Amino acid sequence: MEHLELFFKSIFIDNMVFATFLGMCSYLAVSKKVSTAVGLGAAVIFVLAITVPLNWLLDQYILQPGALTWLGPEYADYDLSFLSFIMFIATIATMVQLVEIVVEKFSPSLYNSLGIFLPLIAVNCAILGGSLFMQSREIASFGLALNYGIGSGIGWFLAILAIAAIREKIRYSNVPPALRGLGITFIITGLMAIGFMSFGGMLTGGDEEGAKKEDSTAQVETQIEDKKDLANNIKIEE
C-alpha cells in the first residue's frame, strides 16, 4: 500500500511540472511535437528511475552523518552531507551521457530532433529535484526510492505529452495574436496545474474522514464520562 500511495502521489499530487514547476525549460521547448515529447519524456523517466535510487544509496551509505560506520567505528563521526549536490549531479551527468549515447546510436532522428535539450537533461532541475526531494522526505528504502523515481518520471512524461498534444491541436484554433506561442502555452499549463491540484484529495479524503470519526468518538466518550461524574456527584450530595 505504501508503494502504491507513493507511486500515485509522485505522478499526480507532487507532479514535477504542475506542483513544483521544475523542468519548465525543456517542457516548453520540446513540447511542439508529440514525437519529440515522447522521446524526451522516456529519457527523463529512465534518468530519474536510475539516478534517484543510486543517489539514495549514496545518501544512505556515504553522505549522511554517521553513514560511514560500515567502514569501521572510527568513521562514525564523519559527515559528508556537504557533498550531496556534487555527488548527485555527478551521478545524473553520468546517466544522461549514457542516454545520449544510446539515443544517438539507435535513433539518430530523435537525437537530432531533441537537439541540445537531450544533454541538458543533466542540468534539468526536475532531475536534481527528484534526488533532493528523495533526500528531504527521508524515503526509507531502496524500493521506495526506485518507486519514487519512476513515478516522478512518469508524471513529467504525462505533463509534456499532454501539453504537446494540446499544442499540436491548438495550431488550428483561432488564438488571439497576442497569446500565440508561449502565451497560450503558459495559460494552458496553469489550467492543467489547477486540474492536477484536484488529485490532492485522492489520498487525504479518507484520512480526514477517519480523523473526523475519531474526533466524534472521542467527544461521545468525553460526554459519557462527564455524565458519569455528574451522577456520582449527585449521589454523594444525597
Protein backbone atom coordinates (compact mmCIF):
# COMPACT_ATOMS: atom_id res chain seq x y z
CA MET A 1 0.00 0.00 0.00
CA GLU A 2 2.87 2.35 0.79
CA HIS A 3 4.42 1.76 -2.64
CA LEU A 4 1.11 2.31 -4.42
CA GLU A 5 0.40 5.50 -2.49
CA LEU A 6 3.87 6.92 -3.19
CA PHE A 7 3.60 6.00 -6.87
CA PHE A 8 0.31 7.79 -7.49
CA LYS A 9 1.29 10.70 -5.27
CA SER A 10 4.51 11.32 -7.22
CA ILE A 11 2.60 11.23 -10.53
CA PHE A 12 -0.50 13.29 -9.80
CA ILE A 13 -0.21 15.16 -6.49
CA ASP A 14 3.51 16.04 -6.41
CA ASN A 15 3.88 16.29 -10.18
CA MET A 16 7.25 17.83 -11.05
CA VAL A 17 5.75 20.26 -13.57
CA PHE A 18 2.33 21.14 -12.20
CA ALA A 19 3.08 21.06 -8.46
CA THR A 20 6.65 22.39 -8.24
CA PHE A 21 7.15 23.79 -11.80
CA LEU A 22 10.51 22.05 -12.24
CA GLY A 23 11.93 21.29 -15.66
CA MET A 24 9.92 24.03 -17.36
CA CYS A 25 12.63 24.94 -19.90
CA SER A 26 12.57 21.52 -21.58
CA TYR A 27 8.83 21.26 -21.01
CA LEU A 28 8.19 24.40 -23.04
CA ALA A 29 10.90 24.00 -25.68
CA VAL A 30 10.43 20.34 -26.68
CA SER A 31 6.63 20.17 -26.49
CA LYS A 32 5.86 21.41 -30.01
CA LYS A 33 5.52 17.85 -31.36
CA VAL A 34 4.24 14.72 -29.65
CA SER A 35 7.00 12.57 -31.15
CA THR A 36 9.82 14.63 -29.62
CA ALA A 37 7.90 14.98 -26.34
CA VAL A 38 7.60 11.19 -26.09
CA GLY A 39 11.32 10.74 -26.71
CA LEU A 40 12.40 13.30 -24.13
CA GLY A 41 9.80 12.07 -21.63
CA ALA A 42 11.06 8.50 -21.94
CA ALA A 43 14.63 9.72 -21.41
CA VAL A 44 13.56 11.61 -18.28
CA ILE A 45 11.81 8.50 -16.92
CA PHE A 46 14.94 6.43 -17.48
CA VAL A 47 17.27 9.00 -15.90
CA LEU A 48 15.04 9.51 -12.83
CA ALA A 49 14.50 5.77 -12.41
CA ILE A 50 18.27 5.22 -12.33
CA THR A 51 19.57 8.32 -10.54
CA VAL A 52 17.08 8.53 -7.65
CA PRO A 53 17.80 5.02 -6.25
CA LEU A 54 21.54 5.42 -6.94
CA ASN A 55 21.58 8.73 -5.09
CA TRP A 56 19.58 7.07 -2.29
CA LEU A 57 22.41 4.55 -1.89
CA LEU A 58 24.97 7.36 -1.90
CA ASP A 59 22.98 9.27 0.70
CA GLN A 60 22.44 6.27 2.98
CA TYR A 61 25.93 4.77 2.88
CA ILE A 62 28.25 7.74 2.22
CA LEU A 63 26.72 11.20 2.65
CA GLN A 64 24.57 11.12 5.78
CA PRO A 65 26.13 11.83 9.19
CA GLY A 66 27.46 8.54 10.52
CA ALA A 67 26.78 6.73 7.23
CA LEU A 68 30.38 5.50 7.01
CA THR A 69 30.10 3.25 10.06
CA TRP A 70 30.15 0.27 7.69
CA LEU A 71 33.85 1.08 7.14
CA GLY A 72 34.55 0.91 10.85
CA PRO A 73 33.68 2.60 14.15
CA GLU A 74 36.40 5.22 13.65
CA TYR A 75 34.38 6.69 10.74
CA ALA A 76 31.15 7.10 12.74
CA ASP A 77 31.68 10.84 13.27
CA TYR A 78 32.22 11.70 9.61
CA ASP A 79 29.62 13.92 7.93
CA LEU A 80 29.87 14.22 4.14
CA SER A 81 26.41 15.74 3.58
CA PHE A 82 28.05 18.88 2.15
CA LEU A 83 28.98 16.78 -0.90
CA SER A 84 25.34 15.93 -1.73
CA PHE A 85 24.96 18.35 -4.63
CA ILE A 86 28.27 17.36 -6.22
CA MET A 87 27.65 13.62 -5.90
CA PHE A 88 24.05 13.83 -7.10
CA ILE A 89 24.95 15.93 -10.14
CA ALA A 90 27.85 13.61 -11.00
CA THR A 91 25.50 10.61 -10.96
CA ILE A 92 22.93 12.44 -13.08
CA ALA A 93 25.54 13.60 -15.62
CA THR A 94 26.83 10.03 -15.99
CA MET A 95 23.37 8.62 -16.66
CA VAL A 96 22.49 11.41 -19.11
CA GLN A 97 25.68 10.74 -21.04
CA LEU A 98 24.67 7.08 -21.25
CA VAL A 99 21.18 8.02 -22.51
CA GLU A 100 22.69 10.37 -25.10
CA ILE A 101 24.98 7.63 -26.45
CA VAL A 102 22.11 5.11 -26.66
CA VAL A 103 19.69 7.53 -28.37
CA GLU A 104 22.33 8.65 -30.88
CA LYS A 105 23.15 5.04 -31.68
CA PHE A 106 19.62 3.62 -32.09
CA SER A 107 17.54 6.68 -33.07
CA PRO A 108 19.55 9.38 -34.86
CA SER A 109 16.37 11.16 -35.99
CA LEU A 110 15.14 11.52 -32.40
CA TYR A 111 18.62 12.59 -31.34
CA ASN A 112 18.63 15.34 -33.97
CA SER A 113 15.09 16.48 -33.12
CA LEU A 114 15.86 16.75 -29.40
CA GLY A 115 19.00 18.72 -30.15
CA ILE A 116 20.69 20.47 -27.24
CA PHE A 117 17.88 19.56 -24.82
CA LEU A 118 18.98 15.93 -24.53
CA PRO A 119 22.37 16.68 -22.94
CA LEU A 120 20.69 19.49 -20.98
CA ILE A 121 18.80 16.81 -19.02
CA ALA A 122 21.93 16.77 -16.86
CA VAL A 123 21.10 20.27 -15.63
CA ASN A 124 17.32 19.80 -15.71
CA CYS A 125 16.12 20.91 -12.29
CA ALA A 126 13.41 18.21 -12.33
CA ILE A 127 16.11 15.51 -12.36
CA LEU A 128 18.07 17.00 -9.48
CA GLY A 129 14.81 17.86 -7.72
CA GLY A 130 13.84 14.18 -7.68
CA SER A 131 17.01 13.26 -5.77
CA LEU A 132 16.76 16.24 -3.41
CA PHE A 133 13.08 15.53 -2.66
CA MET A 134 14.01 11.91 -2.02
CA GLN A 135 16.62 13.08 0.48
CA SER A 136 14.47 15.70 2.21
CA ARG A 137 11.47 13.38 2.55
CA GLU A 138 13.70 10.68 4.05
CA ILE A 139 12.45 7.85 1.86
CA ALA A 140 13.01 4.74 3.89
CA SER A 141 14.09 2.03 1.43
CA PHE A 142 15.73 1.44 -1.93
CA GLY A 143 12.48 0.07 -3.34
CA LEU A 144 10.57 3.21 -2.36
CA ALA A 145 13.32 5.37 -3.89
CA LEU A 146 13.04 3.42 -7.17
CA ASN A 147 9.26 3.76 -7.00
CA TYR A 148 9.52 7.49 -6.42
CA GLY A 149 11.97 7.94 -9.30
CA ILE A 150 9.78 6.06 -11.77
CA GLY A 151 6.62 7.82 -10.58
CA SER A 152 8.20 11.28 -10.82
CA GLY A 153 9.45 10.49 -14.32
CA ILE A 154 6.02 9.28 -15.44
CA GLY A 155 4.47 12.44 -14.01
CA TRP A 156 6.86 14.63 -16.01
CA PHE A 157 6.27 12.45 -19.09
CA LEU A 158 2.48 12.86 -18.82
CA ALA A 159 2.84 16.61 -18.41
CA ILE A 160 4.98 17.15 -21.52
CA LEU A 161 2.93 14.64 -23.54
CA ALA A 162 -0.33 16.41 -22.65
CA ILE A 163 0.95 19.90 -23.50
CA ALA A 164 2.50 18.63 -26.77
CA ALA A 165 -0.80 17.09 -27.85
CA ILE A 166 -2.66 20.30 -26.99
CA ARG A 167 -0.12 22.48 -28.81
CA GLU A 168 -0.42 20.35 -31.94
CA LYS A 169 -4.20 20.73 -31.95
CA ILE A 170 -4.21 24.39 -30.98
CA ARG A 171 -2.43 25.33 -34.21
CA TYR A 172 -5.78 25.04 -35.94
CA SER A 173 -7.60 27.14 -33.33
CA ASN A 174 -8.36 30.84 -33.52
CA VAL A 175 -5.96 32.02 -30.80
CA PRO A 176 -5.65 35.81 -30.35
CA PRO A 177 -2.39 37.04 -31.91
CA ALA A 178 -1.09 38.41 -28.61
CA LEU A 179 -1.37 34.97 -26.96
CA ARG A 180 0.06 32.79 -29.72
CA GLY A 181 3.14 30.76 -28.88
CA LEU A 182 4.31 30.73 -25.28
CA GLY A 183 1.46 32.95 -24.09
CA ILE A 184 -1.31 30.42 -24.64
CA THR A 185 1.07 27.63 -23.54
CA PHE A 186 1.55 29.28 -20.15
CA ILE A 187 -2.22 29.72 -19.77
CA ILE A 188 -2.88 26.07 -20.63
CA THR A 189 -0.14 24.95 -18.24
CA GLY A 190 -1.72 26.97 -15.43
CA LEU A 191 -5.15 25.46 -16.12
CA MET A 192 -3.65 21.96 -16.18
CA ALA A 193 -1.88 22.66 -12.88
CA ILE A 194 -5.22 23.67 -11.34
CA GLY A 195 -6.70 20.44 -12.67
CA PHE A 196 -3.91 18.35 -11.14
CA MET A 197 -4.49 20.08 -7.79
CA SER A 198 -7.83 18.26 -7.64
CA PHE A 199 -5.94 14.98 -7.25
CA GLY A 200 -4.79 16.20 -3.83
CA GLY A 201 -7.96 14.76 -2.28
CA MET A 202 -7.25 11.24 -3.56
CA LEU A 203 -5.00 10.27 -0.65
CA THR A 204 -6.23 12.71 2.01
CA GLY A 205 -10.01 12.36 1.86
CA GLY A 206 -10.03 9.02 3.64
CA ASP A 207 -7.65 10.23 6.32
CA GLU A 208 -9.76 13.29 7.00
CA GLU A 209 -12.89 11.15 7.25
CA GLY A 210 -11.16 8.81 9.66
CA ALA A 211 -9.93 11.72 11.73
CA LYS A 212 -13.47 13.12 11.91
CA LYS A 213 -14.80 9.74 13.09
CA GLU A 214 -12.10 9.54 15.76
CA ASP A 215 -12.88 13.08 16.92
CA SER A 216 -16.62 12.34 17.14
CA THR A 217 -15.93 9.12 19.06
CA ALA A 218 -13.70 10.97 21.49
CA GLN A 219 -16.37 13.63 22.01
CA VAL A 220 -19.02 10.96 22.77
CA GLU A 221 -16.70 9.24 25.25
CA THR A 222 -16.00 12.58 26.94
CA GLN A 223 -19.72 13.32 27.24
CA ILE A 224 -20.36 9.87 28.77
CA GLU A 225 -17.60 10.41 31.31
CA ASP A 226 -18.97 13.84 32.20
CA LYS A 227 -22.43 12.38 32.76
CA LYS A 228 -20.97 9.64 34.97
CA ASP A 229 -19.09 12.23 37.02
CA LEU A 230 -22.25 14.32 37.37
CA ALA A 231 -24.24 11.28 38.51
CA ASN A 232 -21.60 10.39 41.07
CA ASN A 233 -21.59 13.94 42.42
CA ILE A 234 -25.39 13.85 42.79
CA LYS A 235 -25.21 10.56 44.71
CA ILE A 236 -22.54 11.96 47.03
CA GLU A 237 -24.67 15.05 47.77
CA GLU A 238 -27.67 12.86 48.56
